[in-house]
N, C-alpha and C. Protein backbone atom coordinates (compact mmCIF):
# COMPACT_ATOMS: atom_id res chain seq x y z
N UNK A 1 5.68 -16.89 -12.06
CA UNK A 1 6.19 -15.65 -11.53
C UNK A 1 6.47 -15.78 -10.03
N UNK A 2 7.41 -15.01 -9.56
CA UNK A 2 7.76 -15.02 -8.14
C UNK A 2 6.87 -14.03 -7.40
N UNK A 3 6.29 -14.48 -6.31
CA UNK A 3 5.47 -13.61 -5.47
C UNK A 3 6.38 -12.59 -4.79
N UNK A 4 5.94 -11.34 -4.79
CA UNK A 4 6.65 -10.27 -4.09
C UNK A 4 5.95 -10.05 -2.76
N UNK A 5 6.73 -10.08 -1.69
CA UNK A 5 6.19 -9.93 -0.34
C UNK A 5 6.89 -8.77 0.35
N UNK A 6 6.12 -7.80 0.80
CA UNK A 6 6.64 -6.69 1.59
C UNK A 6 6.09 -6.84 2.99
N UNK A 7 6.98 -6.68 3.98
CA UNK A 7 6.59 -6.82 5.38
C UNK A 7 7.32 -5.75 6.18
N UNK A 8 6.61 -5.15 7.13
CA UNK A 8 7.29 -4.17 7.96
C UNK A 8 6.34 -3.30 8.76
N UNK A 9 6.83 -2.07 9.01
CA UNK A 9 6.07 -1.15 9.87
C UNK A 9 5.98 0.24 9.24
N UNK A 10 4.86 0.86 9.43
CA UNK A 10 4.62 2.27 9.11
C UNK A 10 4.64 2.99 10.45
N UNK A 11 5.49 4.02 10.56
CA UNK A 11 5.74 4.63 11.87
C UNK A 11 5.42 6.13 11.82
N UNK A 12 4.50 6.55 12.68
CA UNK A 12 4.11 7.95 12.78
C UNK A 12 4.96 8.64 13.85
N UNK A 13 5.20 9.93 13.64
CA UNK A 13 5.97 10.70 14.62
C UNK A 13 5.11 11.18 15.78
N UNK A 14 3.81 11.37 15.52
CA UNK A 14 2.94 11.93 16.55
C UNK A 14 1.48 11.63 16.23
N UNK A 15 0.58 12.08 17.10
CA UNK A 15 -0.85 11.83 16.94
C UNK A 15 -1.40 12.46 15.66
N UNK A 16 -0.86 13.57 15.24
CA UNK A 16 -1.31 14.20 13.99
C UNK A 16 -1.04 13.27 12.82
N UNK A 17 0.15 12.69 12.75
CA UNK A 17 0.47 11.74 11.69
C UNK A 17 -0.46 10.53 11.76
N UNK A 18 -0.73 10.04 12.97
CA UNK A 18 -1.62 8.89 13.12
C UNK A 18 -3.02 9.21 12.61
N UNK A 19 -3.48 10.43 12.81
CA UNK A 19 -4.81 10.80 12.30
C UNK A 19 -4.82 10.88 10.78
N UNK A 20 -3.70 11.25 10.17
CA UNK A 20 -3.59 11.26 8.71
C UNK A 20 -3.70 9.83 8.18
N UNK A 21 -3.02 8.90 8.83
CA UNK A 21 -3.11 7.49 8.43
C UNK A 21 -4.56 7.03 8.55
N UNK A 22 -5.18 7.27 9.68
CA UNK A 22 -6.56 6.83 9.90
C UNK A 22 -7.52 7.41 8.87
N UNK A 23 -7.29 8.64 8.47
CA UNK A 23 -8.17 9.29 7.49
C UNK A 23 -8.03 8.67 6.11
N UNK A 24 -6.82 8.39 5.69
CA UNK A 24 -6.57 7.96 4.32
C UNK A 24 -6.51 6.44 4.13
N UNK A 25 -6.36 5.70 5.21
CA UNK A 25 -6.15 4.26 5.09
C UNK A 25 -7.31 3.49 4.47
N UNK A 26 -8.56 3.75 4.82
CA UNK A 26 -9.64 2.94 4.22
C UNK A 26 -9.65 2.98 2.69
N UNK A 27 -9.51 4.14 2.10
CA UNK A 27 -9.49 4.22 0.63
C UNK A 27 -8.25 3.54 0.07
N UNK A 28 -7.11 3.70 0.74
CA UNK A 28 -5.87 3.07 0.27
C UNK A 28 -6.01 1.54 0.29
N UNK A 29 -6.58 1.00 1.34
CA UNK A 29 -6.80 -0.45 1.41
C UNK A 29 -7.71 -0.91 0.28
N UNK A 30 -8.82 -0.23 0.08
CA UNK A 30 -9.77 -0.64 -0.95
C UNK A 30 -9.16 -0.57 -2.35
N UNK A 31 -8.48 0.52 -2.64
CA UNK A 31 -7.87 0.67 -3.98
C UNK A 31 -6.78 -0.37 -4.21
N UNK A 32 -5.96 -0.62 -3.21
CA UNK A 32 -4.87 -1.58 -3.37
C UNK A 32 -5.41 -2.99 -3.54
N UNK A 33 -6.36 -3.37 -2.72
CA UNK A 33 -6.92 -4.72 -2.81
C UNK A 33 -7.61 -4.98 -4.14
N UNK A 34 -8.04 -3.92 -4.82
CA UNK A 34 -8.70 -4.05 -6.13
C UNK A 34 -7.70 -4.08 -7.29
N UNK A 35 -6.44 -3.83 -7.03
CA UNK A 35 -5.43 -3.80 -8.10
C UNK A 35 -5.18 -5.19 -8.67
N UNK A 36 -4.97 -5.27 -9.98
CA UNK A 36 -4.58 -6.56 -10.56
C UNK A 36 -3.28 -7.04 -9.94
N UNK A 37 -3.25 -8.30 -9.57
CA UNK A 37 -2.03 -8.89 -9.02
C UNK A 37 -1.89 -8.79 -7.52
N UNK A 38 -2.78 -8.07 -6.85
CA UNK A 38 -2.71 -7.99 -5.39
C UNK A 38 -3.28 -9.29 -4.81
N UNK A 39 -2.42 -10.03 -4.12
CA UNK A 39 -2.85 -11.27 -3.48
C UNK A 39 -3.36 -11.02 -2.07
N UNK A 40 -2.73 -10.10 -1.37
CA UNK A 40 -3.19 -9.70 -0.04
C UNK A 40 -2.55 -8.37 0.32
N UNK A 41 -3.25 -7.61 1.14
CA UNK A 41 -2.76 -6.30 1.55
C UNK A 41 -3.39 -5.97 2.89
N UNK A 42 -2.56 -5.89 3.92
CA UNK A 42 -3.03 -5.62 5.28
C UNK A 42 -2.18 -4.53 5.92
N UNK A 43 -2.85 -3.56 6.52
CA UNK A 43 -2.19 -2.54 7.33
C UNK A 43 -2.98 -2.52 8.64
N UNK A 44 -2.34 -2.97 9.71
CA UNK A 44 -3.06 -3.14 10.96
C UNK A 44 -2.37 -2.40 12.10
N UNK A 45 -3.16 -1.82 13.00
CA UNK A 45 -2.57 -1.11 14.13
C UNK A 45 -1.89 -2.09 15.09
N UNK A 46 -0.92 -1.57 15.81
CA UNK A 46 -0.25 -2.35 16.86
C UNK A 46 -0.67 -1.78 18.21
N UNK A 47 -0.09 -2.29 19.26
CA UNK A 47 -0.36 -1.76 20.61
C UNK A 47 0.11 -0.31 20.73
N UNK A 48 1.08 0.05 19.94
CA UNK A 48 1.57 1.44 19.90
C UNK A 48 0.71 2.21 18.91
N UNK A 49 -0.01 3.24 19.35
CA UNK A 49 -0.93 3.96 18.45
C UNK A 49 -0.24 4.71 17.31
N UNK A 50 1.08 4.73 17.31
CA UNK A 50 1.82 5.42 16.25
C UNK A 50 2.42 4.45 15.24
N UNK A 51 2.18 3.15 15.40
CA UNK A 51 2.81 2.15 14.54
C UNK A 51 1.76 1.19 13.98
N UNK A 52 1.88 0.91 12.68
CA UNK A 52 1.05 -0.07 11.99
C UNK A 52 1.95 -1.13 11.38
N UNK A 53 1.50 -2.38 11.37
CA UNK A 53 2.21 -3.41 10.62
C UNK A 53 1.67 -3.43 9.20
N UNK A 54 2.55 -3.70 8.26
CA UNK A 54 2.20 -3.73 6.85
C UNK A 54 2.62 -5.07 6.28
N UNK A 55 1.70 -5.74 5.59
CA UNK A 55 1.97 -7.00 4.90
C UNK A 55 1.34 -6.91 3.52
N UNK A 56 2.17 -7.02 2.49
CA UNK A 56 1.70 -6.97 1.11
C UNK A 56 2.20 -8.18 0.36
N UNK A 57 1.35 -8.73 -0.50
CA UNK A 57 1.76 -9.81 -1.40
C UNK A 57 1.18 -9.52 -2.78
N UNK A 58 2.06 -9.53 -3.77
CA UNK A 58 1.66 -9.32 -5.16
C UNK A 58 2.16 -10.49 -5.99
N UNK A 59 1.47 -10.77 -7.09
CA UNK A 59 1.78 -11.96 -7.88
C UNK A 59 3.05 -11.86 -8.72
N UNK A 60 3.74 -10.75 -8.65
CA UNK A 60 5.00 -10.61 -9.37
C UNK A 60 5.49 -9.17 -9.35
N UNK A 61 6.67 -8.98 -9.90
CA UNK A 61 7.28 -7.66 -9.91
C UNK A 61 6.45 -6.62 -10.67
N UNK A 62 5.89 -6.94 -11.86
CA UNK A 62 5.12 -5.91 -12.57
C UNK A 62 3.94 -5.37 -11.75
N UNK A 63 3.18 -6.25 -11.11
CA UNK A 63 2.04 -5.76 -10.33
C UNK A 63 2.49 -5.01 -9.09
N UNK A 64 3.58 -5.45 -8.47
CA UNK A 64 4.11 -4.74 -7.31
C UNK A 64 4.57 -3.34 -7.70
N UNK A 65 5.31 -3.22 -8.79
CA UNK A 65 5.79 -1.91 -9.25
C UNK A 65 4.62 -1.00 -9.65
N UNK A 66 3.60 -1.57 -10.29
CA UNK A 66 2.41 -0.78 -10.64
C UNK A 66 1.73 -0.26 -9.39
N UNK A 67 1.64 -1.10 -8.37
CA UNK A 67 1.05 -0.67 -7.10
C UNK A 67 1.84 0.49 -6.50
N UNK A 68 3.15 0.34 -6.46
CA UNK A 68 3.99 1.39 -5.87
C UNK A 68 3.81 2.72 -6.60
N UNK A 69 3.73 2.67 -7.92
CA UNK A 69 3.54 3.89 -8.70
C UNK A 69 2.18 4.52 -8.42
N UNK A 70 1.14 3.69 -8.44
CA UNK A 70 -0.21 4.21 -8.19
C UNK A 70 -0.30 4.79 -6.79
N UNK A 71 0.22 4.08 -5.81
CA UNK A 71 0.12 4.54 -4.42
C UNK A 71 0.87 5.84 -4.21
N UNK A 72 2.03 5.99 -4.82
CA UNK A 72 2.83 7.21 -4.63
C UNK A 72 2.10 8.45 -5.13
N UNK A 73 1.29 8.29 -6.17
CA UNK A 73 0.58 9.43 -6.76
C UNK A 73 -0.82 9.64 -6.19
N UNK A 74 -1.22 8.79 -5.27
CA UNK A 74 -2.57 8.85 -4.72
C UNK A 74 -2.65 9.83 -3.55
N UNK A 75 -3.86 10.17 -3.10
CA UNK A 75 -3.99 10.98 -1.89
C UNK A 75 -3.26 10.36 -0.71
N UNK A 76 -3.32 9.03 -0.56
CA UNK A 76 -2.57 8.34 0.49
C UNK A 76 -1.08 8.62 0.37
N UNK A 77 -0.55 8.43 -0.81
CA UNK A 77 0.88 8.60 -1.03
C UNK A 77 1.35 10.00 -0.72
N UNK A 78 0.60 10.98 -1.17
CA UNK A 78 0.97 12.37 -0.93
C UNK A 78 0.86 12.73 0.55
N UNK A 79 -0.19 12.24 1.21
CA UNK A 79 -0.42 12.60 2.62
C UNK A 79 0.55 11.90 3.57
N UNK A 80 1.06 10.73 3.18
CA UNK A 80 1.89 9.95 4.10
C UNK A 80 3.35 9.84 3.65
N UNK A 81 3.74 10.57 2.64
CA UNK A 81 5.11 10.46 2.10
C UNK A 81 6.17 10.72 3.16
N UNK A 82 5.85 11.55 4.12
CA UNK A 82 6.85 11.93 5.14
C UNK A 82 6.99 10.91 6.28
N UNK A 83 6.11 9.91 6.33
CA UNK A 83 6.15 8.95 7.43
C UNK A 83 7.31 7.98 7.28
N UNK A 84 7.84 7.53 8.41
CA UNK A 84 8.91 6.54 8.41
C UNK A 84 8.33 5.18 8.05
N UNK A 85 9.07 4.46 7.24
CA UNK A 85 8.70 3.11 6.83
C UNK A 85 9.89 2.19 7.05
N UNK A 86 9.65 1.07 7.69
CA UNK A 86 10.68 0.08 7.96
C UNK A 86 10.21 -1.22 7.31
N UNK A 87 10.56 -1.42 6.03
CA UNK A 87 10.06 -2.52 5.23
C UNK A 87 11.17 -3.43 4.76
N UNK A 88 10.82 -4.70 4.60
CA UNK A 88 11.67 -5.69 3.94
C UNK A 88 10.86 -6.26 2.79
N UNK A 89 11.49 -6.35 1.63
CA UNK A 89 10.81 -6.87 0.45
C UNK A 89 11.56 -8.08 -0.09
N UNK A 90 10.84 -9.15 -0.38
CA UNK A 90 11.43 -10.33 -1.00
C UNK A 90 10.71 -10.59 -2.32
N UNK A 91 11.39 -11.30 -3.21
CA UNK A 91 10.79 -11.67 -4.49
C UNK A 91 11.14 -10.76 -5.64
N UNK A 92 11.96 -9.74 -5.38
CA UNK A 92 12.41 -8.84 -6.44
C UNK A 92 13.82 -9.22 -6.86
N UNK A 93 14.17 -8.96 -8.12
CA UNK A 93 15.55 -9.24 -8.53
C UNK A 93 16.54 -8.42 -7.72
N UNK A 94 17.71 -8.99 -7.52
CA UNK A 94 18.74 -8.30 -6.74
C UNK A 94 19.28 -7.08 -7.43
C-alpha cells in the first residue's frame, strides 16, 4: 500500500481560536495516534501563536479516509471546522 502523507498548517484567526485548538488538541492527538493505520501524527506550535504545523502519515488510503471521517465527527472536528487549513496530501489517487 502507498503511504498517505499530509503536511501543512492549521491557522487560527485569533487568540480565541488558538484556545479552542489548545483545549481540544490533546484528545485529538491521542485518538488519532490510536487509530489503525496511523504511522505518525504531529500537530506542533510554531513561533506564531496562531499557527500549528501538521504532519500526518497513514499506511494507506483506507486508514487515512477513516481518520478523516472520525475526526470530522469528533469534538475536535466540530470545534475547529471553521479554522483555515493549508495542507498538501500525497499518496492518494489522482
